[in-house]
Amino acid sequence: MRATILNIQRMSTEDGPGIRTTVFFKGCPLSCTWCHNPESIDRAPRVIWQEQRCIGCRTCDTICEHGGLSPSPSGPRLDPAACRLCGACTDACPGGALERLGAEWEVEELAAEVAKDRAYFEESGGGVTASGGEPTLWADFSKSFFKRCRALGLSTALDTCGACSQKSLLALAAEADLVLFDLKHADEDRHRLFTGQSNRRIMENARALAKALGPKQRLWVRTPLIPGATATGENLLALGRFIASDLDGRVERWELLAFNNLCREQYRRLGRRWEFQDTPLLTRAELGRLLDAASASGFEPERIATSGPTLME
């Protein structure tokens, strides 16, 4: 059993309690216009070329035996259809300008890798988080991975957008100590506008998840605060009312994640323009007003947390 993993991020403090090792799966059913991890949207691995890292050595000119890479005056020309992801070009590139996005891992191999960080987990109360992309797209693998982690004594957390089959979600959540569930927008039309999909299945899955979790399992809701999209008092009032009335009192924490623009470089290296690249951060006053709206929604204010950068006024 294999899955395509984009990245393994160690020493994370943003994907659950304590120090965590976050495994980013490749592939996501949503296409959020603000996505902060655009490399993870496509399920398939690929090779990219980063011009700013290229030292012009021409090592890559003749290295590909399959026709996936050929020289041109402006730099190497990549042919994804011919590329076999053998790694010859990325291994040979001395400047790291050729980079492979995504690699296949086996369950035992991945579990052994994250278990190397056990000491940090035990000291901080952290653990392993499956994120992405979307781990439920690799439901069987993710479930086996979580089972192996728990057998090794590692705490597990599932970070999900909720846009998946209910069966896959509940089966995977059953192996998690913590579920981080994204609720982005309460309005169905605006959710579809910004993510490419309706929020109906997500809301239904949130309700089912709240009922299915065991007494020792934890549920956190997370909402990204994106200027011009989700960062409105109206949206937070509606989401807070839904959390308070429909999720059976199971939500331990509601995290409001302030917009950041650190992913601009990721879009640039993919050759894509990011819709939010010129959008300023929220000011402290703006974040305060959004927190006030969430706190007035009926969900207990003491269980609402904010994080992320803000502008000084």
C-alpha atoms as a PDB file:
ATOM      1  CA  MET A   1       0.000   0.000   0.000  1.00  0.00           C
ATOM      2  CA  ARG A   2       1.460   3.314  -1.113  1.00  0.00           C
ATOM      3  CA  ALA A   3       0.512   6.981  -1.084  1.00  0.00           C
ATOM      4  CA  THR A   4       2.014  10.094  -2.634  1.00  0.00           C
ATOM      5  CA  ILE A   5       3.435  12.396   0.025  1.00  0.00           C
ATOM      6  CA  LEU A   6       4.370  15.972  -0.824  1.00  0.00           C
ATOM      7  CA  ASN A   7       6.341  16.788   2.292  1.00  0.00           C
ATOM      8  CA  ILE A   8       7.092  15.781   5.875  1.00  0.00           C
ATOM      9  CA  GLN A   9       7.324  18.879   8.055  1.00  0.00           C
ATOM     10  CA  ARG A  10       8.968  18.465  11.411  1.00  0.00           C
ATOM     11  CA  MET A  11       8.745  20.726  14.468  1.00  0.00           C
ATOM     12  CA  SER A  12       5.337  22.112  13.513  1.00  0.00           C
ATOM     13  CA  THR A  13       3.376  23.997  16.162  1.00  0.00           C
ATOM     14  CA  GLU A  14       0.364  24.884  13.979  1.00  0.00           C
ATOM     15  CA  ASP A  15      -1.242  21.511  13.268  1.00  0.00           C
ATOM     16  CA  GLY A  16      -2.519  20.496  16.678  1.00  0.00           C
ATOM     17  CA  PRO A  17      -1.197  20.600  20.245  1.00  0.00           C
ATOM     18  CA  GLY A  18       2.498  20.343  21.100  1.00  0.00           C
ATOM     19  CA  ILE A  19       5.327  19.794  18.650  1.00  0.00           C
ATOM     20  CA  ARG A  20       4.153  17.792  15.673  1.00  0.00           C
ATOM     21  CA  THR A  21       5.388  16.126  12.531  1.00  0.00           C
ATOM     22  CA  THR A  22       2.950  16.913   9.747  1.00  0.00           C
ATOM     23  CA  VAL A  23       2.637  14.625   6.744  1.00  0.00           C
ATOM     24  CA  PHE A  24       1.301  16.451   3.695  1.00  0.00           C
ATOM     25  CA  PHE A  25      -0.567  14.135   1.330  1.00  0.00           C
ATOM     26  CA  LYS A  26      -0.883  15.071  -2.318  1.00  0.00           C
ATOM     27  CA  GLY A  27      -4.294  15.719  -3.846  1.00  0.00           C
ATOM     28  CA  CYS A  28      -7.253  17.821  -2.746  1.00  0.00           C
ATOM     29  CA  PRO A  29     -10.928  17.830  -3.856  1.00  0.00           C
ATOM     30  CA  LEU A  30     -11.200  21.603  -3.332  1.00  0.00           C
ATOM     31  CA  SER A  31      -9.582  24.388  -5.332  1.00  0.00           C
ATOM     32  CA  CYS A  32      -9.532  27.216  -2.803  1.00  0.00           C
ATOM     33  CA  THR A  33      -8.542  30.488  -4.427  1.00  0.00           C
ATOM     34  CA  TRP A  34      -6.387  31.327  -1.399  1.00  0.00           C
ATOM     35  CA  CYS A  35      -4.744  27.889  -1.078  1.00  0.00           C
ATOM     36  CA  HIS A  36      -1.536  28.198   0.946  1.00  0.00           C
ATOM     37  CA  ASN A  37      -0.187  24.857  -0.239  1.00  0.00           C
ATOM     38  CA  PRO A  38      -0.813  24.874  -4.024  1.00  0.00           C
ATOM     39  CA  GLU A  39       1.670  22.059  -4.746  1.00  0.00           C
ATOM     40  CA  SER A  40      -0.635  19.693  -2.883  1.00  0.00           C
ATOM     41  CA  ILE A  41      -3.791  20.240  -4.974  1.00  0.00           C
ATOM     42  CA  ASP A  42      -2.765  17.938  -7.827  1.00  0.00           C
ATOM     43  CA  ARG A  43      -2.682  14.286  -6.767  1.00  0.00           C
ATOM     44  CA  ALA A  44       0.108  13.287  -9.158  1.00  0.00           C
ATOM     45  CA  PRO A  45       3.813  13.898  -8.522  1.00  0.00           C
ATOM     46  CA  ARG A  46       5.662  16.193 -10.923  1.00  0.00           C
ATOM     47  CA  VAL A  47       9.041  17.790 -11.556  1.00  0.00           C
ATOM     48  CA  ILE A  48       9.402  21.578 -11.664  1.00  0.00           C
ATOM     49  CA  TRP A  49      12.261  23.880 -12.638  1.00  0.00           C
ATOM     50  CA  GLN A  50      13.061  26.956 -10.550  1.00  0.00           C
ATOM     51  CA  GLU A  51      14.889  29.529 -12.628  1.00  0.00           C
ATOM     52  CA  GLN A  52      16.277  31.463  -9.667  1.00  0.00           C
ATOM     53  CA  ARG A  53      18.151  28.370  -8.457  1.00  0.00           C
ATOM     54  CA  CYS A  54      19.589  27.443 -11.858  1.00  0.00           C
ATOM     55  CA  ILE A  55      23.353  27.975 -12.157  1.00  0.00           C
ATOM     56  CA  GLY A  56      23.394  27.396 -15.915  1.00  0.00           C
ATOM     57  CA  CYS A  57      25.644  24.341 -15.777  1.00  0.00           C
ATOM     58  CA  ARG A  58      23.622  22.459 -18.439  1.00  0.00           C
ATOM     59  CA  THR A  59      24.047  19.185 -16.554  1.00  0.00           C
ATOM     60  CA  CYS A  60      20.415  18.374 -17.307  1.00  0.00           C
ATOM     61  CA  ASP A  61      20.695  18.785 -21.091  1.00  0.00           C
ATOM     62  CA  THR A  62      21.278  15.108 -21.868  1.00  0.00           C
ATOM     63  CA  ILE A  63      20.445  13.340 -18.633  1.00  0.00           C
ATOM     64  CA  CYS A  64      16.836  12.280 -19.316  1.00  0.00           C
ATOM     65  CA  GLU A  65      16.596   9.010 -21.252  1.00  0.00           C
ATOM     66  CA  HIS A  66      12.824   9.232 -21.667  1.00  0.00           C
ATOM     67  CA  GLY A  67      12.393  12.613 -23.356  1.00  0.00           C
ATOM     68  CA  GLY A  68      10.891  14.245 -20.301  1.00  0.00           C
ATOM     69  CA  LEU A  69      13.446  17.031 -20.293  1.00  0.00           C
ATOM     70  CA  SER A  70      15.135  18.828 -23.171  1.00  0.00           C
ATOM     71  CA  PRO A  71      17.318  21.945 -23.432  1.00  0.00           C
ATOM     72  CA  SER A  72      16.104  25.325 -24.633  1.00  0.00           C
ATOM     73  CA  PRO A  73      17.635  28.827 -24.663  1.00  0.00           C
ATOM     74  CA  SER A  74      15.526  29.846 -21.658  1.00  0.00           C
ATOM     75  CA  GLY A  75      16.263  26.748 -19.578  1.00  0.00           C
ATOM     76  CA  PRO A  76      15.188  23.104 -19.465  1.00  0.00           C
ATOM     77  CA  ARG A  77      11.860  22.308 -21.108  1.00  0.00           C
ATOM     78  CA  LEU A  78       9.789  19.770 -19.147  1.00  0.00           C
ATOM     79  CA  ASP A  79       7.368  17.311 -20.728  1.00  0.00           C
ATOM     80  CA  PRO A  80       5.146  15.871 -17.958  1.00  0.00           C
ATOM     81  CA  ALA A  81       3.677  13.276 -20.330  1.00  0.00           C
ATOM     82  CA  ALA A  82       7.110  11.758 -20.989  1.00  0.00           C
ATOM     83  CA  CYS A  83       8.503  12.151 -17.464  1.00  0.00           C
ATOM     84  CA  ARG A  84       8.745   8.859 -15.562  1.00  0.00           C
ATOM     85  CA  LEU A  85       9.686  10.506 -12.255  1.00  0.00           C
ATOM     86  CA  CYS A  86      12.856   8.444 -12.102  1.00  0.00           C
ATOM     87  CA  GLY A  87      14.685  11.190 -10.211  1.00  0.00           C
ATOM     88  CA  ALA A  88      17.754  11.234 -12.477  1.00  0.00           C
ATOM     89  CA  CYS A  89      17.467  14.947 -13.257  1.00  0.00           C
ATOM     90  CA  THR A  90      16.634  16.099  -9.738  1.00  0.00           C
ATOM     91  CA  ASP A  91      19.466  14.007  -8.277  1.00  0.00           C
ATOM     92  CA  ALA A  92      21.976  15.381 -10.778  1.00  0.00           C
ATOM     93  CA  CYS A  93      21.029  19.078 -10.540  1.00  0.00           C
ATOM     94  CA  PRO A  94      23.775  20.720  -8.409  1.00  0.00           C
ATOM     95  CA  GLY A  95      21.779  23.876  -7.731  1.00  0.00           C
ATOM     96  CA  GLY A  96      18.526  22.189  -6.753  1.00  0.00           C
ATOM     97  CA  ALA A  97      16.725  23.973  -9.581  1.00  0.00           C
ATOM     98  CA  LEU A  98      14.967  20.766 -10.622  1.00  0.00           C
ATOM     99  CA  GLU A  99      12.673  19.596  -7.836  1.00  0.00           C
ATOM    100  CA  ARG A 100      10.315  16.676  -7.556  1.00  0.00           C
ATOM    101  CA  LEU A 101       6.984  17.435  -5.912  1.00  0.00           C
ATOM    102  CA  GLY A 102       5.661  14.240  -4.375  1.00  0.00           C
ATOM    103  CA  ALA A 103       7.129  10.833  -3.630  1.00  0.00           C
ATOM    104  CA  GLU A 104       5.581   7.445  -2.948  1.00  0.00           C
ATOM    105  CA  TRP A 105       5.821   6.019   0.562  1.00  0.00           C
ATOM    106  CA  GLU A 106       4.786   2.725   2.100  1.00  0.00           C
ATOM    107  CA  VAL A 107       2.924   2.637   5.412  1.00  0.00           C
ATOM    108  CA  GLU A 108       5.689   1.015   7.458  1.00  0.00           C
ATOM    109  CA  GLU A 109       8.319   3.260   5.918  1.00  0.00           C
ATOM    110  CA  LEU A 110       6.356   6.427   6.676  1.00  0.00           C
ATOM    111  CA  ALA A 111       5.504   5.367  10.227  1.00  0.00           C
ATOM    112  CA  ALA A 112       9.147   4.603  10.940  1.00  0.00           C
ATOM    113  CA  GLU A 113      10.135   8.021   9.599  1.00  0.00           C
ATOM    114  CA  VAL A 114       7.762  10.021  11.803  1.00  0.00           C
ATOM    115  CA  ALA A 115       8.585   7.845  14.821  1.00  0.00           C
ATOM    116  CA  LYS A 116      12.083   9.350  14.749  1.00  0.00           C
ATOM    117  CA  ASP A 117      10.527  12.429  16.389  1.00  0.00           C
ATOM    118  CA  ARG A 118       9.055  10.528  19.315  1.00  0.00           C
ATOM    119  CA  ALA A 119      11.140  12.395  21.898  1.00  0.00           C
ATOM    120  CA  TYR A 120       9.690  15.742  20.806  1.00  0.00           C
ATOM    121  CA  PHE A 121       6.147  14.385  20.971  1.00  0.00           C
ATOM    122  CA  GLU A 122       6.595  12.953  24.453  1.00  0.00           C
ATOM    123  CA  GLU A 123       8.150  16.146  25.794  1.00  0.00           C
ATOM    124  CA  SER A 124       5.555  18.529  24.330  1.00  0.00           C
ATOM    125  CA  GLY A 125       2.347  16.496  24.170  1.00  0.00           C
ATOM    126  CA  GLY A 126       2.491  16.507  20.387  1.00  0.00           C
ATOM    127  CA  GLY A 127       2.256  13.832  17.734  1.00  0.00           C
ATOM    128  CA  VAL A 128       1.692  13.131  14.060  1.00  0.00           C
ATOM    129  CA  THR A 129      -0.747  15.101  11.879  1.00  0.00           C
ATOM    130  CA  ALA A 130      -1.971  13.898   8.481  1.00  0.00           C
ATOM    131  CA  SER A 131      -2.678  16.946   6.330  1.00  0.00           C
ATOM    132  CA  GLY A 132      -2.432  17.935   2.709  1.00  0.00           C
ATOM    133  CA  GLY A 133      -3.927  18.179   0.297  1.00  0.00           C
ATOM    134  CA  GLU A 134      -6.510  15.865   1.741  1.00  0.00           C
ATOM    135  CA  PRO A 135      -5.636  12.618   3.609  1.00  0.00           C
ATOM    136  CA  THR A 136      -9.096  11.128   3.011  1.00  0.00           C
ATOM    137  CA  LEU A 137      -8.247  10.869  -0.698  1.00  0.00           C
ATOM    138  CA  TRP A 138      -5.824   8.187   0.490  1.00  0.00           C
ATOM    139  CA  ALA A 139      -8.258   6.790   3.063  1.00  0.00           C
ATOM    140  CA  ASP A 140      -7.053   3.170   3.218  1.00  0.00           C
ATOM    141  CA  PHE A 141      -3.408   4.191   3.389  1.00  0.00           C
ATOM    142  CA  SER A 142      -4.090   6.927   5.963  1.00  0.00           C
ATOM    143  CA  LYS A 143      -6.086   4.552   8.153  1.00  0.00           C
ATOM    144  CA  SER A 144      -3.299   1.954   8.099  1.00  0.00           C
ATOM    145  CA  PHE A 145      -0.737   4.686   8.760  1.00  0.00           C
ATOM    146  CA  PHE A 146      -2.663   5.958  11.790  1.00  0.00           C
ATOM    147  CA  LYS A 147      -3.053   2.424  13.132  1.00  0.00           C
ATOM    148  CA  ARG A 148       0.662   1.852  12.850  1.00  0.00           C
ATOM    149  CA  CYS A 149       1.426   5.183  14.529  1.00  0.00           C
ATOM    150  CA  ARG A 150      -0.884   4.357  17.427  1.00  0.00           C
ATOM    151  CA  ALA A 151       0.708   0.917  17.755  1.00  0.00           C
ATOM    152  CA  LEU A 152       4.009   2.759  18.134  1.00  0.00           C
ATOM    153  CA  GLY A 153       2.514   4.929  20.867  1.00  0.00           C
ATOM    154  CA  LEU A 154       2.266   8.084  18.745  1.00  0.00           C
ATOM    155  CA  SER A 155      -0.674  10.461  19.050  1.00  0.00           C
ATOM    156  CA  THR A 156      -2.498  11.076  15.761  1.00  0.00           C
ATOM    157  CA  ALA A 157      -4.394  14.017  14.301  1.00  0.00           C
ATOM    158  CA  LEU A 158      -6.410  14.238  11.082  1.00  0.00           C
ATOM    159  CA  ASP A 159      -6.514  17.600   9.305  1.00  0.00           C
ATOM    160  CA  THR A 160      -9.393  17.505   6.797  1.00  0.00           C
ATOM    161  CA  CYS A 161     -11.418  19.842   4.599  1.00  0.00           C
ATOM    162  CA  GLY A 162     -14.404  17.504   5.044  1.00  0.00           C
ATOM    163  CA  ALA A 163     -15.131  17.296   1.291  1.00  0.00           C
ATOM    164  CA  CYS A 164     -15.064  13.517   1.109  1.00  0.00           C
ATOM    165  CA  SER A 165     -17.262  10.487   1.531  1.00  0.00           C
ATOM    166  CA  GLN A 166     -18.708  10.195   5.010  1.00  0.00           C
ATOM    167  CA  LYS A 167     -17.620   6.573   5.182  1.00  0.00           C
ATOM    168  CA  SER A 168     -13.979   7.463   4.518  1.00  0.00           C
ATOM    169  CA  LEU A 169     -14.056  10.358   6.972  1.00  0.00           C
ATOM    170  CA  LEU A 170     -15.522   8.387   9.868  1.00  0.00           C
ATOM    171  CA  ALA A 171     -13.294   5.353   9.268  1.00  0.00           C
ATOM    172  CA  LEU A 172     -10.182   7.504   9.324  1.00  0.00           C
ATOM    173  CA  ALA A 173     -11.350   9.712  12.190  1.00  0.00           C
ATOM    174  CA  ALA A 174     -11.868   6.587  14.292  1.00  0.00           C
ATOM    175  CA  GLU A 175      -8.079   6.137  14.313  1.00  0.00           C
ATOM    176  CA  ALA A 176      -7.341   9.763  15.259  1.00  0.00           C
ATOM    177  CA  ASP A 177      -6.956  11.243  18.721  1.00  0.00           C
ATOM    178  CA  LEU A 178      -7.779  14.673  17.312  1.00  0.00           C
ATOM    179  CA  VAL A 179      -9.646  15.872  14.217  1.00  0.00           C
ATOM    180  CA  LEU A 180      -8.947  19.329  12.785  1.00  0.00           C
ATOM    181  CA  PHE A 181     -12.002  20.107  10.645  1.00  0.00           C
ATOM    182  CA  ASP A 182     -12.065  23.082   8.277  1.00  0.00           C
ATOM    183  CA  LEU A 183     -15.208  25.184   8.016  1.00  0.00           C
ATOM    184  CA  LYS A 184     -14.502  27.930   5.506  1.00  0.00           C
ATOM    185  CA  HIS A 185     -17.779  29.574   4.546  1.00  0.00           C
ATOM    186  CA  ALA A 186     -21.349  29.164   5.768  1.00  0.00           C
ATOM    187  CA  ASP A 187     -22.953  30.411   2.539  1.00  0.00           C
ATOM    188  CA  GLU A 188     -23.188  27.655  -0.070  1.00  0.00           C
ATOM    189  CA  ASP A 189     -22.909  29.916  -3.121  1.00  0.00           C
ATOM    190  CA  ARG A 190     -19.883  31.784  -1.801  1.00  0.00           C
ATOM    191  CA  HIS A 191     -18.275  28.524  -0.692  1.00  0.00           C
ATOM    192  CA  ARG A 192     -18.636  27.229  -4.249  1.00  0.00           C
ATOM    193  CA  LEU A 193     -17.295  30.513  -5.643  1.00  0.00           C
ATOM    194  CA  PHE A 194     -14.115  30.375  -3.573  1.00  0.00           C
ATOM    195  CA  THR A 195     -13.471  26.617  -3.366  1.00  0.00           C
ATOM    196  CA  GLY A 196     -15.117  25.155  -6.464  1.00  0.00           C
ATOM    197  CA  GLN A 197     -17.568  23.033  -4.457  1.00  0.00           C
ATOM    198  CA  SER A 198     -20.734  23.300  -2.407  1.00  0.00           C
ATOM    199  CA  ASN A 199     -20.402  23.134   1.380  1.00  0.00           C
ATOM    200  CA  ARG A 200     -23.407  20.801   1.840  1.00  0.00           C
ATOM    201  CA  ARG A 201     -21.401  17.602   2.135  1.00  0.00           C
ATOM    202  CA  ILE A 202     -18.894  19.327   4.420  1.00  0.00           C
ATOM    203  CA  MET A 203     -21.626  20.485   6.816  1.00  0.00           C
ATOM    204  CA  GLU A 204     -23.255  17.041   6.783  1.00  0.00           C
ATOM    205  CA  ASN A 205     -19.911  15.387   7.459  1.00  0.00           C
ATOM    206  CA  ALA A 206     -19.240  17.767  10.346  1.00  0.00           C
ATOM    207  CA  ARG A 207     -22.536  16.798  11.961  1.00  0.00           C
ATOM    208  CA  ALA A 208     -21.879  13.075  11.466  1.00  0.00           C
ATOM    209  CA  LEU A 209     -18.348  13.385  12.803  1.00  0.00           C
ATOM    210  CA  ALA A 210     -19.478  15.160  15.969  1.00  0.00           C
ATOM    211  CA  LYS A 211     -21.890  12.306  16.690  1.00  0.00           C
ATOM    212  CA  ALA A 212     -19.414   9.532  15.853  1.00  0.00           C
ATOM    213  CA  LEU A 213     -16.366  10.612  17.845  1.00  0.00           C
ATOM    214  CA  GLY A 214     -15.635   8.745  21.045  1.00  0.00           C
ATOM    215  CA  PRO A 215     -15.553  10.441  24.457  1.00  0.00           C
ATOM    216  CA  LYS A 216     -11.749  10.656  24.516  1.00  0.00           C
ATOM    217  CA  GLN A 217     -11.422  12.008  20.999  1.00  0.00           C
ATOM    218  CA  ARG A 218     -11.058  15.735  20.391  1.00  0.00           C
ATOM    219  CA  LEU A 219     -12.512  17.969  17.673  1.00  0.00           C
ATOM    220  CA  TRP A 220     -11.172  21.345  16.642  1.00  0.00           C
ATOM    221  CA  VAL A 221     -12.745  23.530  13.948  1.00  0.00           C
ATOM    222  CA  ARG A 222     -10.512  25.815  11.903  1.00  0.00           C
ATOM    223  CA  THR A 223     -11.569  28.775   9.750  1.00  0.00           C
ATOM    224  CA  PRO A 224      -9.146  30.695   7.524  1.00  0.00           C
ATOM    225  CA  LEU A 225      -9.746  34.439   7.615  1.00  0.00           C
ATOM    226  CA  ILE A 226      -9.272  35.486   3.992  1.00  0.00           C
ATOM    227  CA  PRO A 227      -9.879  39.169   3.153  1.00  0.00           C
ATOM    228  CA  GLY A 228     -12.668  39.536   0.629  1.00  0.00           C
ATOM    229  CA  ALA A 229     -13.731  35.918   1.045  1.00  0.00           C
ATOM    230  CA  THR A 230     -14.234  34.372   4.490  1.00  0.00           C
ATOM    231  CA  ALA A 231     -13.138  37.244   6.740  1.00  0.00           C
ATOM    232  CA  THR A 232     -16.526  38.820   7.376  1.00  0.00           C
ATOM    233  CA  GLY A 233     -18.515  39.178  10.541  1.00  0.00           C
ATOM    234  CA  GLU A 234     -21.558  37.724   8.791  1.00  0.00           C
ATOM    235  CA  ASN A 235     -19.701  34.540   7.882  1.00  0.00           C
ATOM    236  CA  LEU A 236     -18.253  34.052  11.358  1.00  0.00           C
ATOM    237  CA  LEU A 237     -21.632  34.626  13.007  1.00  0.00           C
ATOM    238  CA  ALA A 238     -23.180  31.977  10.768  1.00  0.00           C
ATOM    239  CA  LEU A 239     -20.359  29.472  11.258  1.00  0.00           C
ATOM    240  CA  GLY A 240     -20.369  29.991  15.023  1.00  0.00           C
ATOM    241  CA  ARG A 241     -24.108  29.410  15.190  1.00  0.00           C
ATOM    242  CA  PHE A 242     -23.709  26.203  13.197  1.00  0.00           C
ATOM    243  CA  ILE A 243     -20.922  24.985  15.479  1.00  0.00           C
ATOM    244  CA  ALA A 244     -22.908  25.811  18.603  1.00  0.00           C
ATOM    245  CA  SER A 245     -26.200  24.318  17.469  1.00  0.00           C
ATOM    246  CA  ASP A 246     -25.273  21.393  15.203  1.00  0.00           C
ATOM    247  CA  LEU A 247     -22.047  19.870  16.485  1.00  0.00           C
ATOM    248  CA  ASP A 248     -23.392  18.407  19.733  1.00  0.00           C
ATOM    249  CA  GLY A 249     -21.125  20.399  22.016  1.00  0.00           C
ATOM    250  CA  ARG A 250     -18.156  18.338  20.792  1.00  0.00           C
ATOM    251  CA  VAL A 251     -16.001  21.179  19.474  1.00  0.00           C
ATOM    252  CA  GLU A 252     -13.231  21.827  21.966  1.00  0.00           C
ATOM    253  CA  ARG A 253     -11.632  24.719  20.089  1.00  0.00           C
ATOM    254  CA  TRP A 254     -12.460  27.014  17.183  1.00  0.00           C
ATOM    255  CA  GLU A 255      -9.348  28.434  15.557  1.00  0.00           C
ATOM    256  CA  LEU A 256      -9.516  31.597  13.456  1.00  0.00           C
ATOM    257  CA  LEU A 257      -6.464  31.547  11.197  1.00  0.00           C
ATOM    258  CA  ALA A 258      -5.432  35.012  10.025  1.00  0.00           C
ATOM    259  CA  PHE A 259      -4.472  35.337   6.365  1.00  0.00           C
ATOM    260  CA  ASN A 260      -0.774  35.180   5.559  1.00  0.00           C
ATOM    261  CA  ASN A 261       1.041  35.693   2.263  1.00  0.00           C
ATOM    262  CA  LEU A 262       4.063  33.468   2.805  1.00  0.00           C
ATOM    263  CA  CYS A 263       2.992  31.189  -0.041  1.00  0.00           C
ATOM    264  CA  ARG A 264       3.624  33.747  -2.786  1.00  0.00           C
ATOM    265  CA  GLU A 265       6.938  32.071  -3.606  1.00  0.00           C
ATOM    266  CA  GLN A 266       5.211  28.706  -3.950  1.00  0.00           C
ATOM    267  CA  TYR A 267       2.928  30.069  -6.658  1.00  0.00           C
ATOM    268  CA  ARG A 268       5.811  31.771  -8.404  1.00  0.00           C
ATOM    269  CA  ARG A 269       7.858  28.575  -8.646  1.00  0.00           C
ATOM    270  CA  LEU A 270       4.802  26.781 -10.072  1.00  0.00           C
ATOM    271  CA  GLY A 271       4.534  29.469 -12.731  1.00  0.00           C
ATOM    272  CA  ARG A 272       1.160  30.616 -11.471  1.00  0.00           C
ATOM    273  CA  ARG A 273      -0.131  34.001 -10.390  1.00  0.00           C
ATOM    274  CA  TRP A 274      -1.773  33.981  -6.962  1.00  0.00           C
ATOM    275  CA  GLU A 275      -5.024  35.903  -6.727  1.00  0.00           C
ATOM    276  CA  PHE A 276      -4.119  37.152  -3.240  1.00  0.00           C
ATOM    277  CA  GLN A 277      -0.465  38.017  -3.826  1.00  0.00           C
ATOM    278  CA  ASP A 278      -1.073  41.735  -3.303  1.00  0.00           C
ATOM    279  CA  THR A 279      -3.625  41.347  -0.493  1.00  0.00           C
ATOM    280  CA  PRO A 280      -2.432  42.943   2.768  1.00  0.00           C
ATOM    281  CA  LEU A 281      -2.500  41.150   6.087  1.00  0.00           C
ATOM    282  CA  LEU A 282      -5.338  41.839   8.479  1.00  0.00           C
ATOM    283  CA  THR A 283      -4.732  44.594  10.993  1.00  0.00           C
ATOM    284  CA  ARG A 284      -5.015  43.838  14.682  1.00  0.00           C
ATOM    285  CA  ALA A 285      -8.206  45.885  14.794  1.00  0.00           C
ATOM    286  CA  GLU A 286      -9.719  43.903  11.916  1.00  0.00           C
ATOM    287  CA  LEU A 287      -8.814  40.615  13.570  1.00  0.00           C
ATOM    288  CA  GLY A 288     -10.310  41.916  16.809  1.00  0.00           C
ATOM    289  CA  ARG A 289     -13.602  42.751  15.101  1.00  0.00           C
ATOM    290  CA  LEU A 290     -13.760  39.301  13.510  1.00  0.00           C
ATOM    291  CA  LEU A 291     -13.088  37.712  16.890  1.00  0.00           C
ATOM    292  CA  ASP A 292     -15.899  39.798  18.371  1.00  0.00           C
ATOM    293  CA  ALA A 293     -18.285  38.533  15.684  1.00  0.00           C
ATOM    294  CA  ALA A 294     -17.317  34.917  16.333  1.00  0.00           C
ATOM    295  CA  SER A 295     -17.699  35.458  20.068  1.00  0.00           C
ATOM    296  CA  ALA A 296     -21.235  36.795  19.566  1.00  0.00           C
ATOM    297  CA  SER A 297     -22.327  33.725  17.606  1.00  0.00           C
ATOM    298  CA  GLY A 298     -23.311  31.543  20.549  1.00  0.00           C
ATOM    299  CA  PHE A 299     -20.141  29.461  20.643  1.00  0.00           C
ATOM    300  CA  GLU A 300     -18.301  29.918  23.931  1.00  0.00           C
ATOM    301  CA  PRO A 301     -15.815  32.813  23.461  1.00  0.00           C
ATOM    302  CA  GLU A 302     -13.226  31.249  25.779  1.00  0.00           C
ATOM    303  CA  ARG A 303     -12.861  28.366  23.320  1.00  0.00           C
ATOM    304  CA  ILE A 304     -12.111  30.614  20.335  1.00  0.00           C
ATOM    305  CA  ALA A 305      -8.456  31.185  19.461  1.00  0.00           C
ATOM    306  CA  THR A 306      -6.740  33.343  16.856  1.00  0.00           C
ATOM    307  CA  SER A 307      -3.394  32.846  15.197  1.00  0.00           C
ATOM    308  CA  GLY A 308      -1.384  34.244  12.318  1.00  0.00           C
ATOM    309  CA  PRO A 309       0.353  37.512  11.424  1.00  0.00           C
ATOM    310  CA  THR A 310      -1.273  40.933  11.618  1.00  0.00           C
ATOM    311  CA  LEU A 311      -0.282  44.437  10.573  1.00  0.00           C
ATOM    312  CA  MET A 312       0.579  47.064  13.133  1.00  0.00           C
ATOM    313  CA  GLU A 313      -1.695  50.111  12.833  1.00  0.00           C
END
